[in-house]
Amino acid sequence: QVQLVESGGGLVQPGGSLRLSCAASARTFPFSDMAWYRQAPGKERELVGIITGGGRTNYLDYVKGRFTISSNAKNMIYLQMNSLKPEDTAVYYCKCAKCGAGYSEVWGHGTQVTVSS
């Protein structure tokens, strides 16, 4: 089964930027859509954005214009986060839609992003 490992999280001041990475242990493009999710304390996990196997992207309205998803078209996706707000504080997860057995989804373990002054 493909494994996903996120990295790049940390502490950043409001208005700052971070770039998250998600590395898959095997090639995922163009076979599967990939996505970034986040979960803030006390809240449900929510979709931040997706990148399809063909490279198209779509985003949660709240992050449009601030976050950008990209890939290396092989086994990596990235989440460039600009103009960060305290409300963006969460654990960010990477998901591969069809990387598991029987084309099931696979999740990474997450990386913490904290936006605070």
Protein backbone atom coordinates (compact mmCIF):
# COMPACT_ATOMS: atom_id res chain seq x y z
CA GLN A 1 0.00 0.00 0.00
CA VAL A 2 1.18 3.52 -0.80
CA GLN A 3 2.27 5.55 2.21
CA LEU A 4 2.02 9.32 2.48
CA VAL A 5 4.30 11.55 4.54
CA GLU A 6 3.59 15.23 5.08
CA SER A 7 6.24 17.79 6.03
CA GLY A 8 6.77 21.52 6.22
CA GLY A 9 4.50 22.48 9.07
CA GLY A 10 5.50 24.80 11.85
CA LEU A 11 4.86 28.05 13.63
CA VAL A 12 4.36 31.17 11.52
CA GLN A 13 3.17 34.69 12.24
CA PRO A 14 -0.10 36.00 10.79
CA GLY A 15 0.46 37.16 7.24
CA GLY A 16 3.32 34.72 6.76
CA SER A 17 3.76 31.79 4.42
CA LEU A 18 4.46 28.09 4.61
CA ARG A 19 4.88 25.37 2.04
CA LEU A 20 3.73 21.89 2.92
CA SER A 21 4.87 18.80 1.07
CA CYS A 22 3.33 15.36 0.78
CA ALA A 23 5.49 12.52 -0.47
CA ALA A 24 3.96 9.27 -1.65
CA SER A 25 5.99 6.08 -1.52
CA ALA A 26 4.99 5.25 -5.09
CA ARG A 27 3.86 7.10 -8.16
CA THR A 28 0.33 8.46 -7.83
CA PHE A 29 -0.04 10.65 -10.90
CA PRO A 30 -1.99 10.40 -13.14
CA PHE A 31 -3.74 7.47 -11.49
CA SER A 32 -5.38 9.19 -8.54
CA ASP A 33 -6.64 12.50 -7.30
CA MET A 34 -4.79 13.89 -4.28
CA ALA A 35 -6.05 16.30 -1.68
CA TRP A 36 -5.16 18.41 1.32
CA TYR A 37 -7.41 18.42 4.37
CA ARG A 38 -7.10 20.14 7.71
CA GLN A 39 -8.48 19.66 11.18
CA ALA A 40 -8.51 22.41 13.75
CA PRO A 41 -8.87 21.68 17.46
CA GLY A 42 -12.43 20.77 18.29
CA LYS A 43 -13.54 20.84 14.68
CA GLU A 44 -14.19 18.27 12.00
CA ARG A 45 -11.68 17.58 9.29
CA GLU A 46 -12.36 19.70 6.23
CA LEU A 47 -11.22 19.65 2.65
CA VAL A 48 -8.77 22.41 1.76
CA GLY A 49 -8.28 21.58 -1.90
CA ILE A 50 -7.72 18.87 -4.43
CA ILE A 51 -5.51 18.23 -7.41
CA THR A 52 -6.78 15.73 -9.93
CA GLY A 53 -4.69 13.09 -11.65
CA GLY A 54 -4.74 15.41 -14.64
CA GLY A 55 -3.47 18.37 -12.63
CA ARG A 56 -6.67 20.40 -12.20
CA THR A 57 -7.14 22.06 -8.83
CA ASN A 58 -10.06 23.21 -6.74
CA TYR A 59 -10.16 24.88 -3.33
CA LEU A 60 -12.25 25.58 -0.29
CA ASP A 61 -13.70 29.07 -0.74
CA TYR A 62 -12.02 30.32 2.42
CA VAL A 63 -8.52 29.63 1.08
CA LYS A 64 -9.01 30.62 -2.56
CA GLY A 65 -6.43 33.17 -3.59
CA ARG A 66 -4.21 32.37 -0.61
CA PHE A 67 -3.42 28.66 -0.99
CA THR A 68 -2.10 26.88 -4.05
CA ILE A 69 -1.77 23.16 -4.65
CA SER A 70 0.81 21.87 -7.07
CA SER A 71 2.57 18.62 -7.84
CA ASN A 72 5.63 17.15 -9.49
CA ALA A 73 3.27 15.02 -11.61
CA LYS A 74 4.82 11.89 -10.11
CA ASN A 75 4.55 11.29 -6.38
CA MET A 76 4.58 14.67 -4.62
CA ILE A 77 2.03 17.35 -3.92
CA TYR A 78 2.57 20.70 -2.28
CA LEU A 79 0.44 23.24 -0.51
CA GLN A 80 1.72 26.79 -0.73
CA MET A 81 -0.01 28.84 1.95
CA ASN A 82 0.25 32.62 1.88
CA SER A 83 -1.33 35.37 3.95
CA LEU A 84 -1.85 32.93 6.76
CA LYS A 85 -4.42 33.69 9.44
CA PRO A 86 -4.79 32.36 12.98
CA GLU A 87 -7.90 30.54 11.75
CA ASP A 88 -5.65 28.46 9.47
CA THR A 89 -4.14 26.80 12.52
CA ALA A 90 -4.74 23.08 12.17
CA VAL A 91 -3.21 19.74 11.46
CA TYR A 92 -2.91 19.41 7.69
CA TYR A 93 -3.34 16.01 6.08
CA CYS A 94 -2.62 14.68 2.65
CA LYS A 95 -4.94 12.13 1.06
CA CYS A 96 -4.64 9.93 -1.98
CA ALA A 97 -8.07 8.97 -3.25
CA LYS A 98 -7.21 5.62 -4.84
CA CYS A 99 -3.86 4.54 -3.40
CA GLY A 100 -5.09 1.85 -1.08
CA ALA A 101 -6.15 -1.73 -1.60
CA GLY A 102 -9.16 -1.91 -3.89
CA TYR A 103 -8.59 1.72 -4.88
CA SER A 104 -9.40 2.90 -1.39
CA GLU A 105 -8.13 6.16 0.03
CA VAL A 106 -4.89 6.53 1.96
CA TRP A 107 -4.10 9.28 4.49
CA GLY A 108 -0.89 10.68 5.83
CA HIS A 109 -0.32 11.30 9.53
CA GLY A 110 -0.52 15.06 9.25
CA THR A 111 1.68 18.06 9.94
CA GLN A 112 0.88 20.80 12.42
CA VAL A 113 0.52 24.39 11.23
CA THR A 114 0.23 27.06 13.89
CA VAL A 115 -0.39 30.68 12.96
CA SER A 116 0.25 32.92 15.92
CA SER A 117 2.07 36.06 16.90
